[in-house]
Amino acid sequence: MNPLLLPLAAEPGNRALTISLFTAVVAVTLYITWWASRQNKTAADYYAGGRSFSGAQNGLAVAGDYMSAASFLGISGQIALYGYDGFLYSIGFLVAWLVALLLVAELLRNSGRFTMADQLAFRMKQKPVRTAAATSTIVVSIFYLLAQMVGAGSLVGLLLGVKSEGVKAAVIILVGALMIIYVTIGGMKGTTWVQIVKAVLLMAGTVVITFLVLLKFHFNLSSLLGSAAAKSGHGESFLQPGLLYGKDFTGQIDFLSPGLALVLGTAGLPHILIRFYTVPDSRSARRSVQWAIGLIGVFYLMTLALGFGAAALLDTGKGSAVATSKGNVASPLLAESVGGGAGSLGGSILLALIAAVAFATILAVVAGLTLTSASSFAHDLYANVISKEKPTEKQELRVARFAAIGIGAVAIALAIPAQKLNIAFLVALAFAVAASANLPALLFNLFWKRFNTSGAVWSIYGGLVSAVVLVIFSPVVSGNGEKSMITGADFHWFPLSNPGIVSIPLGFLFGVLGTYLGKDRSSEQRYSELSVRAFTGAGAEGAAKH
């Protein structure tokens, strides 16, 4: 057993404290879900929380959805292990939110109803566009779910003092079961309240750790960075690009690719976009964005202190707990260190608190992701494509709940072999798929009058297939030894670890080709109406109620 894990494994009191806090978090979130379920009476309640949340409440929920386990656990771990190259993730996630705000958020809220496909289907043929959008939504959500579940396995494995992949697999199954319960019972209202509670807890926990880290270095950032570089064993190169991706041409492109995916991916993430349907009007949507920007901006700045603090205060060398977990347990171990160290009461309490907050983060985000994909399946595929007769709301909601079970099962099955990967890295793959498949179609639909059904379908499927195929044949899946999902096999031919730099331009290119090759120009007739609704909100409120 790794020596860093011995204190936790050896002290039953620490384990009892941890289990108690975990149980409390699960109990509180389950109560919130049960409470919310009693208020779900219509499809709008289940899909959009009855559009009853204020701007401040939705801003907290948006931040809670966005500040995932990849942010709290994965980014700090990447910085702790790779310094400057890990810093890319903090900046990428932060800048990405501004892109989503300026290009998509309010426009989508004004022109849609429940899902991303509603906006596309406004002026396109229903069945092909909804089928493509629902397929993309489900695939992106599953990629994102993998990261959250891997984070749950790493977190609980650390706290119980075990490294067994079997135990982590059991944790992944447990998290999957909980998220299915949240979604099938609570819907959007329950999920939103869980995200609000989680956002408050996560911000509070991150502020405490950041303050204690800076206190260790007398609030001198230069001293913190210098100590991190010296302790890392890499010296000045720790604070320069190239440690993770290399300095050759391929390495530079591999560094640029996830950066591009992160910056553009948020604007195509379905579980973020549908959050803007939970507020009653455009003014509330703008206010929720203001709240979210403030919280998200502060949080991602603090991840720098967490990452470099972990590098300065923890053992991150080969064989350490941080390195073995691919950086996924850096933040919890840092909390233990600044709280007094392994075996101390203060360290044990802070570790247990931060771990419970991280677990709440995972539960909230996986619930949001599962709800998004289940809603898209029921509302877009079942209600508008598969069912020959218009289903009742009750039938549609029943399908959504069964879809949540199926999607949860698929995510569990895929997350178990992905345990060896850093969760921020896994999320960057989800961002690449979202930016390749969803963003081109959304932007073309909003800003290009000539865009048509053929272009939308080509854009979504072209970007989606190219991104997924490149991931399958990349070093992420095979050919990179223990760092790959499949060890002992090598069928990769794509050299980059993230497909964004290739698949995102392909998504836009397919959209252009499909538009000009398609002969249907009927979509142009409703472009003016869509533009007025998207940019002014005129007519949006009435459409949302029907």
Protein backbone atom coordinates (compact mmCIF):
# COMPACT_ATOMS: atom_id res chain seq x y z
CA MET A 1 0.00 0.00 0.00
CA ASN A 2 1.21 3.49 -0.79
CA PRO A 3 2.70 5.10 2.35
CA LEU A 4 0.63 8.25 1.85
CA LEU A 5 -2.51 6.16 2.28
CA LEU A 6 -1.45 4.35 5.45
CA PRO A 7 -2.60 6.96 7.98
CA LEU A 8 -6.10 6.97 6.58
CA ALA A 9 -6.32 3.22 6.32
CA ALA A 10 -4.89 2.66 9.77
CA GLU A 11 -7.10 4.97 11.82
CA PRO A 12 -10.71 3.79 12.26
CA GLY A 13 -11.67 7.18 13.73
CA ASN A 14 -10.70 8.96 10.52
CA ARG A 15 -12.62 6.45 8.48
CA ALA A 16 -15.69 6.78 10.71
CA LEU A 17 -15.58 10.57 10.35
CA THR A 18 -15.28 10.30 6.59
CA ILE A 19 -18.10 7.80 6.26
CA SER A 20 -20.32 9.93 8.51
CA LEU A 21 -19.78 13.04 6.40
CA PHE A 22 -20.30 11.11 3.17
CA THR A 23 -23.52 9.67 4.54
CA ALA A 24 -24.70 13.12 5.60
CA VAL A 25 -24.04 14.54 2.11
CA VAL A 26 -25.91 11.70 0.42
CA ALA A 27 -28.80 11.96 2.92
CA VAL A 28 -29.18 15.73 2.41
CA THR A 29 -29.11 15.46 -1.38
CA LEU A 30 -31.58 12.58 -1.37
CA TYR A 31 -33.94 14.60 0.86
CA ILE A 32 -33.71 17.55 -1.54
CA THR A 33 -34.51 15.22 -4.43
CA TRP A 34 -37.52 13.73 -2.61
CA TRP A 35 -38.78 17.19 -1.67
CA ALA A 36 -38.49 18.39 -5.27
CA SER A 37 -40.21 15.29 -6.65
CA ARG A 38 -43.42 16.25 -4.85
CA GLN A 39 -43.58 19.43 -6.94
CA ASN A 40 -43.04 17.79 -10.35
CA LYS A 41 -46.43 17.80 -12.06
CA THR A 42 -45.71 18.71 -15.70
CA ALA A 43 -43.01 18.22 -18.33
CA ALA A 44 -41.86 21.81 -17.71
CA ASP A 45 -41.36 20.93 -14.04
CA TYR A 46 -39.29 17.85 -14.88
CA TYR A 47 -37.24 19.27 -17.77
CA ALA A 48 -36.89 22.93 -16.73
CA GLY A 49 -37.74 23.09 -13.02
CA GLY A 50 -41.02 24.86 -13.83
CA ARG A 51 -38.91 27.86 -15.00
CA SER A 52 -39.25 29.05 -11.42
CA PHE A 53 -35.63 29.77 -10.44
CA SER A 54 -34.39 33.32 -9.96
CA GLY A 55 -31.30 34.65 -11.71
CA ALA A 56 -29.19 34.31 -8.56
CA GLN A 57 -30.39 30.75 -7.91
CA ASN A 58 -29.78 29.69 -11.50
CA GLY A 59 -26.37 31.41 -11.47
CA LEU A 60 -25.37 29.28 -8.50
CA ALA A 61 -26.70 26.18 -10.26
CA VAL A 62 -24.88 27.01 -13.51
CA ALA A 63 -21.65 27.47 -11.55
CA GLY A 64 -22.37 24.22 -9.70
CA ASP A 65 -22.85 22.41 -12.99
CA TYR A 66 -19.71 23.91 -14.52
CA MET A 67 -17.36 23.51 -11.53
CA SER A 68 -17.24 19.74 -11.80
CA ALA A 69 -14.97 17.10 -10.31
CA ALA A 70 -12.68 17.71 -13.28
CA SER A 71 -12.20 21.27 -12.05
CA PHE A 72 -11.74 20.58 -8.36
CA LEU A 73 -9.82 17.30 -8.58
CA GLY A 74 -8.46 17.02 -12.12
CA ILE A 75 -7.12 20.51 -12.82
CA SER A 76 -5.30 20.83 -9.51
CA GLY A 77 -3.77 17.39 -10.18
CA GLN A 78 -2.61 18.34 -13.67
CA ILE A 79 -0.96 21.50 -12.33
CA ALA A 80 0.62 19.59 -9.43
CA LEU A 81 2.17 17.08 -11.83
CA TYR A 82 2.92 19.18 -14.92
CA GLY A 83 2.98 22.83 -13.80
CA TYR A 84 2.53 25.21 -16.72
CA ASP A 85 0.98 22.58 -19.02
CA GLY A 86 -1.63 21.79 -16.36
CA PHE A 87 -2.30 25.53 -16.02
CA LEU A 88 -3.79 25.33 -19.54
CA TYR A 89 -6.91 23.68 -18.10
CA SER A 90 -7.64 26.46 -15.59
CA ILE A 91 -7.39 29.17 -18.24
CA GLY A 92 -9.23 27.11 -20.86
CA PHE A 93 -12.23 26.44 -18.62
CA LEU A 94 -12.40 30.11 -17.59
CA VAL A 95 -12.14 31.62 -21.09
CA ALA A 96 -14.60 29.03 -22.41
CA TRP A 97 -17.37 30.43 -20.24
CA LEU A 98 -16.99 33.86 -21.86
CA VAL A 99 -17.35 32.30 -25.32
CA ALA A 100 -20.53 30.51 -24.22
CA LEU A 101 -21.90 33.75 -22.76
CA LEU A 102 -21.20 35.95 -25.77
CA LEU A 103 -22.18 33.54 -28.54
CA VAL A 104 -24.83 31.14 -27.33
CA ALA A 105 -26.37 31.35 -23.84
CA GLU A 106 -29.09 34.00 -24.05
CA LEU A 107 -29.79 33.39 -27.74
CA LEU A 108 -30.40 29.72 -27.09
CA ARG A 109 -32.63 30.46 -24.11
CA ASN A 110 -34.83 32.74 -26.22
CA SER A 111 -35.16 30.38 -29.17
CA GLY A 112 -35.54 26.98 -27.45
CA ARG A 113 -37.85 25.26 -25.03
CA PHE A 114 -36.38 22.24 -23.21
CA THR A 115 -33.37 20.91 -25.16
CA MET A 116 -30.65 22.05 -27.55
CA ALA A 117 -32.54 20.39 -30.43
CA ASP A 118 -35.53 22.70 -29.93
CA GLN A 119 -33.47 25.61 -31.21
CA LEU A 120 -32.30 23.72 -34.30
CA ALA A 121 -35.73 22.29 -35.04
CA PHE A 122 -37.31 25.77 -34.97
CA ARG A 123 -36.56 26.26 -38.68
CA MET A 124 -35.42 22.78 -39.77
CA LYS A 125 -37.13 19.48 -40.50
CA GLN A 126 -37.94 17.92 -37.14
CA LYS A 127 -37.00 14.26 -37.38
CA PRO A 128 -33.47 14.32 -38.89
CA VAL A 129 -32.33 17.29 -36.83
CA ARG A 130 -33.76 16.05 -33.52
CA THR A 131 -32.29 12.57 -34.10
CA ALA A 132 -28.84 14.02 -34.76
CA ALA A 133 -28.97 16.47 -31.84
CA ALA A 134 -30.21 13.82 -29.40
CA THR A 135 -27.48 11.39 -30.49
CA SER A 136 -24.81 14.06 -30.01
CA THR A 137 -26.23 15.09 -26.62
CA ILE A 138 -26.13 11.53 -25.33
CA VAL A 139 -22.58 10.86 -26.57
CA VAL A 140 -21.20 14.13 -25.12
CA SER A 141 -22.95 13.48 -21.80
CA ILE A 142 -21.51 9.98 -21.55
CA PHE A 143 -17.97 11.27 -22.20
CA TYR A 144 -18.47 13.83 -19.43
CA LEU A 145 -19.99 11.26 -17.09
CA LEU A 146 -16.85 9.12 -17.38
CA ALA A 147 -14.76 11.86 -15.82
CA GLN A 148 -17.08 12.36 -12.87
CA MET A 149 -17.30 8.66 -12.08
CA VAL A 150 -13.54 8.14 -12.35
CA GLY A 151 -13.18 11.02 -9.89
CA ALA A 152 -15.57 9.30 -7.49
CA GLY A 153 -13.57 6.07 -7.64
CA SER A 154 -10.26 7.85 -6.98
CA LEU A 155 -11.70 9.90 -4.13
CA VAL A 156 -13.28 7.05 -2.20
CA GLY A 157 -10.29 4.81 -2.88
CA LEU A 158 -8.07 7.42 -1.20
CA LEU A 159 -10.32 7.83 1.81
CA LEU A 160 -10.65 4.12 2.46
CA GLY A 161 -6.93 3.58 1.99
CA VAL A 162 -7.26 1.15 -0.92
CA LYS A 163 -5.92 1.06 -4.45
CA SER A 164 -7.93 -1.91 -5.69
CA GLU A 165 -9.61 -1.22 -9.02
CA GLY A 166 -12.37 -3.58 -7.93
CA VAL A 167 -13.28 -1.35 -4.98
CA LYS A 168 -13.17 1.74 -7.19
CA ALA A 169 -15.41 -0.04 -9.68
CA ALA A 170 -17.91 -0.70 -6.88
CA VAL A 171 -17.84 3.02 -6.01
CA ILE A 172 -18.50 3.91 -9.67
CA ILE A 173 -21.53 1.59 -9.66
CA LEU A 174 -22.78 3.22 -6.43
CA VAL A 175 -22.45 6.73 -7.88
CA GLY A 176 -24.25 5.58 -11.02
CA ALA A 177 -27.11 4.19 -8.95
CA LEU A 178 -27.41 7.43 -6.96
CA MET A 179 -27.47 9.61 -10.06
CA ILE A 180 -30.23 7.46 -11.55
CA ILE A 181 -32.27 7.95 -8.35
CA TYR A 182 -31.76 11.73 -8.43
CA VAL A 183 -32.84 12.05 -12.05
CA THR A 184 -35.74 9.63 -12.10
CA ILE A 185 -37.24 11.07 -8.91
CA GLY A 186 -36.25 14.74 -8.70
CA GLY A 187 -35.99 15.92 -12.30
CA MET A 188 -34.55 19.37 -13.03
CA LYS A 189 -35.93 20.95 -9.86
CA GLY A 190 -34.24 18.44 -7.56
CA THR A 191 -31.04 18.48 -9.61
CA THR A 192 -30.89 22.29 -9.55
CA TRP A 193 -31.26 22.52 -5.76
CA VAL A 194 -28.55 19.87 -5.32
CA GLN A 195 -26.29 21.93 -7.60
CA ILE A 196 -26.99 25.12 -5.63
CA VAL A 197 -26.09 23.46 -2.32
CA LYS A 198 -23.02 21.88 -3.89
CA ALA A 199 -21.83 25.21 -5.39
CA VAL A 200 -21.96 26.92 -1.99
CA LEU A 201 -20.09 24.05 -0.32
CA LEU A 202 -17.46 23.81 -3.05
CA MET A 203 -16.72 27.53 -3.06
CA ALA A 204 -16.46 27.58 0.74
CA GLY A 205 -14.15 24.55 0.80
CA THR A 206 -11.92 25.91 -1.98
CA VAL A 207 -11.63 29.31 -0.28
CA VAL A 208 -10.52 27.64 2.98
CA ILE A 209 -7.83 25.52 1.30
CA THR A 210 -6.59 28.43 -0.83
CA PHE A 211 -6.33 30.67 2.23
CA LEU A 212 -4.39 28.03 4.18
CA VAL A 213 -2.04 27.36 1.25
CA LEU A 214 -1.28 31.06 0.79
CA LEU A 215 -0.85 31.42 4.56
CA LYS A 216 1.88 28.76 4.43
CA PHE A 217 3.81 31.00 2.02
CA HIS A 218 2.92 34.30 3.75
CA PHE A 219 0.70 35.25 0.77
CA ASN A 220 3.79 35.49 -1.44
CA LEU A 221 2.92 34.02 -4.86
CA SER A 222 6.54 34.10 -6.00
CA SER A 223 7.55 31.99 -3.01
CA LEU A 224 4.72 29.52 -3.74
CA LEU A 225 5.74 29.10 -7.40
CA GLY A 226 9.41 28.82 -6.51
CA SER A 227 8.74 26.12 -3.91
CA ALA A 228 6.49 24.23 -6.32
CA ALA A 229 9.18 24.24 -9.03
CA ALA A 230 11.89 23.12 -6.60
CA LYS A 231 9.78 20.38 -4.96
CA SER A 232 8.55 19.04 -8.30
CA GLY A 233 12.03 17.89 -9.27
CA HIS A 234 11.78 19.62 -12.65
CA GLY A 235 13.17 23.01 -11.66
CA GLU A 236 12.38 25.99 -13.89
CA SER A 237 10.95 23.71 -16.60
CA PHE A 238 8.00 23.12 -14.26
CA LEU A 239 6.94 26.73 -14.87
CA GLN A 240 7.47 26.53 -18.64
CA PRO A 241 5.49 24.78 -21.39
CA GLY A 242 6.47 21.31 -22.60
CA LEU A 243 6.53 19.12 -19.49
CA LEU A 244 3.37 17.21 -20.38
CA TYR A 245 3.09 17.64 -24.13
CA GLY A 246 6.72 18.07 -25.13
CA LYS A 247 8.39 20.90 -27.02
CA ASP A 248 8.53 19.39 -30.51
CA PHE A 249 6.00 20.27 -33.23
CA THR A 250 3.63 17.42 -32.34
CA GLY A 251 3.79 18.39 -28.67
CA GLN A 252 2.92 22.00 -29.46
CA ILE A 253 -0.06 20.90 -31.54
CA ASP A 254 -1.11 18.51 -28.75
CA PHE A 255 -0.98 21.45 -26.34
CA LEU A 256 -3.04 23.66 -28.67
CA SER A 257 -5.68 21.01 -29.38
CA PRO A 258 -7.13 20.62 -25.86
CA GLY A 259 -6.90 24.40 -25.41
CA LEU A 260 -9.07 24.92 -28.48
CA ALA A 261 -11.47 22.20 -27.31
CA LEU A 262 -11.83 23.78 -23.86
CA VAL A 263 -12.38 27.32 -25.14
CA LEU A 264 -15.04 26.32 -27.69
CA GLY A 265 -16.50 23.25 -26.00
CA THR A 266 -18.54 24.90 -23.25
CA ALA A 267 -20.77 26.63 -25.81
CA GLY A 268 -21.74 23.19 -27.10
CA LEU A 269 -22.21 21.35 -23.79
CA PRO A 270 -25.91 20.37 -23.59
CA HIS A 271 -26.06 20.13 -19.77
CA ILE A 272 -24.81 23.73 -19.46
CA LEU A 273 -27.03 25.11 -22.22
CA ILE A 274 -30.30 23.70 -20.88
CA ARG A 275 -29.74 25.48 -17.56
CA PHE A 276 -30.89 28.68 -19.26
CA TYR A 277 -34.35 27.17 -19.76
CA THR A 278 -34.96 27.07 -15.99
CA VAL A 279 -35.45 30.82 -15.57
CA PRO A 280 -38.69 32.68 -16.38
CA ASP A 281 -37.33 35.35 -18.74
CA SER A 282 -34.31 36.79 -20.56
CA ARG A 283 -33.56 39.26 -17.77
CA SER A 284 -33.21 36.38 -15.30
CA ALA A 285 -31.01 34.55 -17.78
CA ARG A 286 -28.66 37.54 -17.98
CA ARG A 287 -28.58 37.86 -14.20
CA SER A 288 -27.81 34.17 -13.78
CA VAL A 289 -24.89 34.63 -16.20
CA GLN A 290 -23.53 37.50 -14.10
CA TRP A 291 -23.64 35.38 -10.95
CA ALA A 292 -22.06 32.43 -12.71
CA ILE A 293 -19.21 34.50 -14.18
CA GLY A 294 -18.26 35.87 -10.76
CA LEU A 295 -18.27 32.48 -9.06
CA ILE A 296 -16.56 30.63 -11.91
CA GLY A 297 -13.87 33.29 -12.33
CA VAL A 298 -12.92 33.25 -8.65
CA PHE A 299 -12.99 29.46 -8.51
CA TYR A 300 -10.65 28.88 -11.47
CA LEU A 301 -8.17 31.40 -10.13
CA MET A 302 -8.15 29.43 -6.87
CA THR A 303 -7.39 26.17 -8.70
CA LEU A 304 -3.97 27.64 -9.47
CA ALA A 305 -3.27 27.93 -5.75
CA LEU A 306 -4.51 24.36 -5.23
CA GLY A 307 -2.35 22.94 -8.01
CA PHE A 308 0.89 24.76 -7.25
CA GLY A 309 0.22 24.35 -3.53
CA ALA A 310 -0.02 20.59 -3.99
CA ALA A 311 3.25 20.60 -5.95
CA ALA A 312 4.96 22.60 -3.18
CA LEU A 313 3.59 20.72 -0.15
CA LEU A 314 3.00 17.12 -1.33
CA ASP A 315 5.08 14.30 -2.72
CA THR A 316 4.23 14.22 -6.43
CA GLY A 317 7.09 11.99 -7.54
CA LYS A 318 6.81 8.60 -9.20
CA GLY A 319 4.98 6.12 -6.96
CA SER A 320 3.34 8.82 -4.82
CA ALA A 321 -0.41 8.86 -4.21
CA VAL A 322 -0.76 11.95 -6.41
CA ALA A 323 1.15 10.43 -9.32
CA THR A 324 -0.53 7.02 -8.98
CA SER A 325 -3.98 8.63 -9.16
CA LYS A 326 -2.91 10.72 -12.20
CA GLY A 327 -3.32 13.78 -9.97
CA ASN A 328 -6.96 13.09 -9.10
CA VAL A 329 -6.40 13.09 -5.31
CA ALA A 330 -4.11 16.15 -5.11
CA SER A 331 -6.77 18.50 -3.68
CA PRO A 332 -7.96 16.17 -0.86
CA LEU A 333 -4.37 15.37 0.15
CA LEU A 334 -3.53 19.08 0.07
CA ALA A 335 -6.47 19.72 2.41
CA GLU A 336 -5.07 17.13 4.81
CA SER A 337 -1.60 18.68 4.60
CA VAL A 338 -2.64 22.29 5.30
CA GLY A 339 -5.03 21.10 8.02
CA GLY A 340 -2.17 19.68 10.09
CA GLY A 341 -0.83 16.72 8.16
CA ALA A 342 -1.56 13.00 7.95
CA GLY A 343 -2.82 11.54 11.22
CA SER A 344 -3.64 14.90 12.82
CA LEU A 345 -7.18 15.73 13.91
CA GLY A 346 -7.25 18.95 11.89
CA GLY A 347 -5.92 17.21 8.80
CA SER A 348 -8.43 14.37 9.15
CA ILE A 349 -11.36 16.76 9.59
CA LEU A 350 -10.41 18.98 6.65
CA LEU A 351 -9.72 15.98 4.44
CA ALA A 352 -13.09 14.45 5.29
CA LEU A 353 -14.90 17.77 4.72
CA ILE A 354 -13.23 18.42 1.37
CA ALA A 355 -13.80 14.84 0.25
CA ALA A 356 -17.48 15.11 1.15
CA VAL A 357 -17.72 18.37 -0.83
CA ALA A 358 -15.97 16.74 -3.79
CA PHE A 359 -18.38 13.81 -3.60
CA ALA A 360 -21.33 16.23 -3.56
CA THR A 361 -19.79 17.89 -6.63
CA ILE A 362 -19.68 14.57 -8.45
CA LEU A 363 -23.25 13.67 -7.50
CA ALA A 364 -24.64 17.02 -8.64
CA VAL A 365 -22.84 17.05 -11.99
CA VAL A 366 -23.63 13.44 -12.91
CA ALA A 367 -27.30 14.09 -12.09
CA GLY A 368 -27.32 17.11 -14.39
CA LEU A 369 -25.63 15.20 -17.20
CA THR A 370 -27.93 12.22 -16.91
CA LEU A 371 -31.00 14.44 -16.82
CA THR A 372 -29.84 16.26 -19.96
CA SER A 373 -29.29 13.11 -22.00
CA ALA A 374 -32.46 11.40 -20.71
CA SER A 375 -34.51 14.52 -21.49
CA SER A 376 -33.07 14.68 -24.99
CA PHE A 377 -33.89 11.02 -25.62
CA ALA A 378 -37.47 11.36 -24.37
CA HIS A 379 -38.29 14.83 -25.73
CA ASP A 380 -36.38 14.76 -29.03
CA LEU A 381 -36.18 11.10 -30.04
CA TYR A 382 -39.23 9.48 -28.46
CA ALA A 383 -41.80 12.30 -28.53
CA ASN A 384 -40.85 13.81 -31.90
CA VAL A 385 -39.25 10.97 -33.89
CA ILE A 386 -40.05 7.45 -32.63
CA SER A 387 -43.64 7.81 -31.44
CA LYS A 388 -46.12 7.86 -34.33
CA GLU A 389 -48.74 9.55 -32.17
CA LYS A 390 -48.03 12.55 -29.97
CA PRO A 391 -47.39 11.04 -26.52
CA THR A 392 -48.87 12.50 -23.37
CA GLU A 393 -46.57 14.30 -20.91
CA LYS A 394 -46.92 11.35 -18.55
CA GLN A 395 -45.73 8.91 -21.22
CA GLU A 396 -42.83 11.17 -22.19
CA LEU A 397 -41.66 11.53 -18.59
CA ARG A 398 -41.84 7.76 -18.09
CA VAL A 399 -39.55 7.30 -21.11
CA ALA A 400 -37.16 9.93 -19.70
CA ARG A 401 -36.86 7.98 -16.47
CA PHE A 402 -36.15 4.70 -18.26
CA ALA A 403 -33.63 6.50 -20.49
CA ALA A 404 -31.81 7.73 -17.37
CA ILE A 405 -31.41 4.14 -16.22
CA GLY A 406 -30.03 3.03 -19.59
CA ILE A 407 -27.62 5.97 -19.97
CA GLY A 408 -26.42 5.49 -16.39
CA ALA A 409 -25.68 1.82 -17.09
CA VAL A 410 -23.64 2.67 -20.21
CA ALA A 411 -21.66 5.34 -18.34
CA ILE A 412 -20.87 2.91 -15.52
CA ALA A 413 -19.65 0.25 -17.96
CA LEU A 414 -17.33 2.70 -19.75
CA ALA A 415 -16.04 4.43 -16.60
CA ILE A 416 -14.59 1.27 -15.05
CA PRO A 417 -11.77 0.82 -17.65
CA ALA A 418 -11.15 4.60 -17.72
CA GLN A 419 -9.94 4.73 -14.09
CA LYS A 420 -6.31 5.19 -15.14
CA LEU A 421 -6.91 8.58 -16.79
CA ASN A 422 -6.87 12.08 -15.31
CA ILE A 423 -10.41 13.41 -15.06
CA ALA A 424 -9.62 16.91 -16.37
CA PHE A 425 -8.13 15.21 -19.41
CA LEU A 426 -11.28 13.11 -19.84
CA VAL A 427 -13.45 16.23 -19.67
CA ALA A 428 -11.30 17.86 -22.35
CA LEU A 429 -12.30 14.97 -24.62
CA ALA A 430 -15.97 15.68 -23.90
CA PHE A 431 -15.38 19.35 -24.71
CA ALA A 432 -13.76 18.38 -28.02
CA VAL A 433 -16.76 16.25 -29.01
CA ALA A 434 -19.20 19.03 -27.98
CA ALA A 435 -17.28 21.70 -29.88
CA SER A 436 -17.06 19.48 -32.97
CA ALA A 437 -20.65 18.21 -33.09
CA ASN A 438 -22.88 20.85 -31.45
CA LEU A 439 -21.27 24.26 -31.68
CA PRO A 440 -21.04 24.52 -35.50
CA ALA A 441 -24.73 23.67 -35.94
CA LEU A 442 -25.83 26.09 -33.19
CA LEU A 443 -23.80 29.00 -34.58
CA PHE A 444 -24.73 28.37 -38.20
CA ASN A 445 -28.42 28.17 -37.24
CA LEU A 446 -28.26 31.50 -35.41
CA PHE A 447 -26.11 33.49 -37.82
CA TRP A 448 -26.40 31.95 -41.33
CA LYS A 449 -29.66 32.35 -43.24
CA ARG A 450 -28.68 29.82 -45.95
CA PHE A 451 -28.09 27.05 -43.36
CA ASN A 452 -30.53 24.16 -43.80
CA THR A 453 -31.52 20.75 -42.50
CA SER A 454 -28.89 18.93 -44.54
CA GLY A 455 -26.19 21.25 -43.21
CA ALA A 456 -27.31 20.72 -39.62
CA VAL A 457 -27.30 16.92 -39.96
CA TRP A 458 -23.95 16.85 -41.76
CA SER A 459 -22.42 19.22 -39.21
CA ILE A 460 -23.57 17.25 -36.15
CA TYR A 461 -22.79 13.76 -37.43
CA GLY A 462 -19.60 14.84 -39.21
CA GLY A 463 -18.17 16.54 -36.14
CA LEU A 464 -19.37 13.80 -33.80
CA VAL A 465 -18.04 10.86 -35.81
CA SER A 466 -14.70 12.51 -36.60
CA ALA A 467 -14.12 13.39 -32.92
CA VAL A 468 -15.09 9.96 -31.58
CA VAL A 469 -13.11 8.06 -34.25
CA LEU A 470 -9.98 10.12 -33.62
CA VAL A 471 -10.28 9.47 -29.87
CA ILE A 472 -10.65 5.71 -30.45
CA PHE A 473 -7.51 5.62 -32.59
CA SER A 474 -5.49 7.96 -30.37
CA PRO A 475 -2.98 7.17 -27.58
CA VAL A 476 -5.83 7.70 -25.10
CA VAL A 477 -7.27 4.26 -25.93
CA SER A 478 -4.17 2.27 -26.96
CA GLY A 479 -0.47 2.50 -27.71
CA ASN A 480 0.66 4.52 -24.70
CA GLY A 481 1.32 1.74 -22.19
CA GLU A 482 -0.29 2.13 -18.78
CA LYS A 483 -1.51 5.61 -19.67
CA SER A 484 -3.99 4.17 -22.19
CA MET A 485 -7.41 2.72 -21.42
CA ILE A 486 -6.41 -0.57 -23.10
CA THR A 487 -2.96 -1.82 -22.12
CA GLY A 488 -1.09 -4.43 -24.12
CA ALA A 489 -2.60 -3.31 -27.43
CA ASP A 490 -1.67 -0.71 -30.00
CA PHE A 491 -4.03 0.22 -32.82
CA HIS A 492 -3.60 3.99 -32.65
CA TRP A 493 -2.64 5.99 -35.73
CA PHE A 494 -3.77 9.49 -34.64
CA PRO A 495 -0.81 11.05 -32.77
CA LEU A 496 -2.66 13.62 -30.63
CA SER A 497 -4.31 12.98 -27.26
CA ASN A 498 -7.18 15.39 -28.01
CA PRO A 499 -8.89 15.55 -31.44
CA GLY A 500 -10.18 19.13 -31.15
CA ILE A 501 -7.76 20.83 -33.52
CA VAL A 502 -8.85 18.48 -36.33
CA SER A 503 -12.45 17.56 -35.51
CA ILE A 504 -13.72 21.09 -34.70
CA PRO A 505 -12.81 22.53 -38.15
CA LEU A 506 -14.28 19.37 -39.69
CA GLY A 507 -17.58 20.01 -37.91
CA PHE A 508 -17.78 23.49 -39.47
CA LEU A 509 -16.64 22.17 -42.86
CA PHE A 510 -19.28 19.43 -42.90
CA GLY A 511 -21.91 22.05 -42.04
CA VAL A 512 -20.91 24.17 -45.06
CA LEU A 513 -20.74 21.18 -47.43
CA GLY A 514 -24.09 19.79 -46.26
CA THR A 515 -25.74 23.17 -46.65
CA TYR A 516 -24.64 23.70 -50.25
CA LEU A 517 -25.18 20.08 -51.30
CA GLY A 518 -28.67 20.05 -49.79
CA LYS A 519 -31.39 21.43 -52.08
CA ASP A 520 -33.93 22.30 -49.39
CA ARG A 521 -34.09 26.06 -48.74
CA SER A 522 -37.34 26.12 -46.77
CA SER A 523 -35.42 26.80 -43.56
CA GLU A 524 -34.65 30.33 -44.81
CA GLN A 525 -38.32 31.25 -44.47
CA ARG A 526 -38.21 31.15 -40.64
CA TYR A 527 -34.73 32.62 -40.21
CA SER A 528 -35.99 36.15 -39.60
CA GLU A 529 -38.45 34.93 -36.98
CA LEU A 530 -35.70 32.92 -35.25
CA SER A 531 -33.35 35.93 -35.29
CA VAL A 532 -35.93 38.26 -33.77
CA ARG A 533 -36.79 35.75 -31.07
CA ALA A 534 -33.14 34.91 -30.30
CA PHE A 535 -31.87 38.49 -30.12
CA THR A 536 -34.87 40.21 -28.53
CA GLY A 537 -36.77 37.43 -26.72
CA ALA A 538 -40.00 38.48 -28.46
CA GLY A 539 -42.33 35.49 -28.57
CA ALA A 540 -40.00 33.29 -26.54
CA GLU A 541 -41.99 33.37 -23.31
CA GLY A 542 -45.23 32.25 -24.94
CA ALA A 543 -43.52 29.44 -26.84
CA ALA A 544 -41.84 28.18 -23.69
CA LYS A 545 -45.18 27.65 -21.99
CA HIS A 546 -46.60 25.41 -24.72
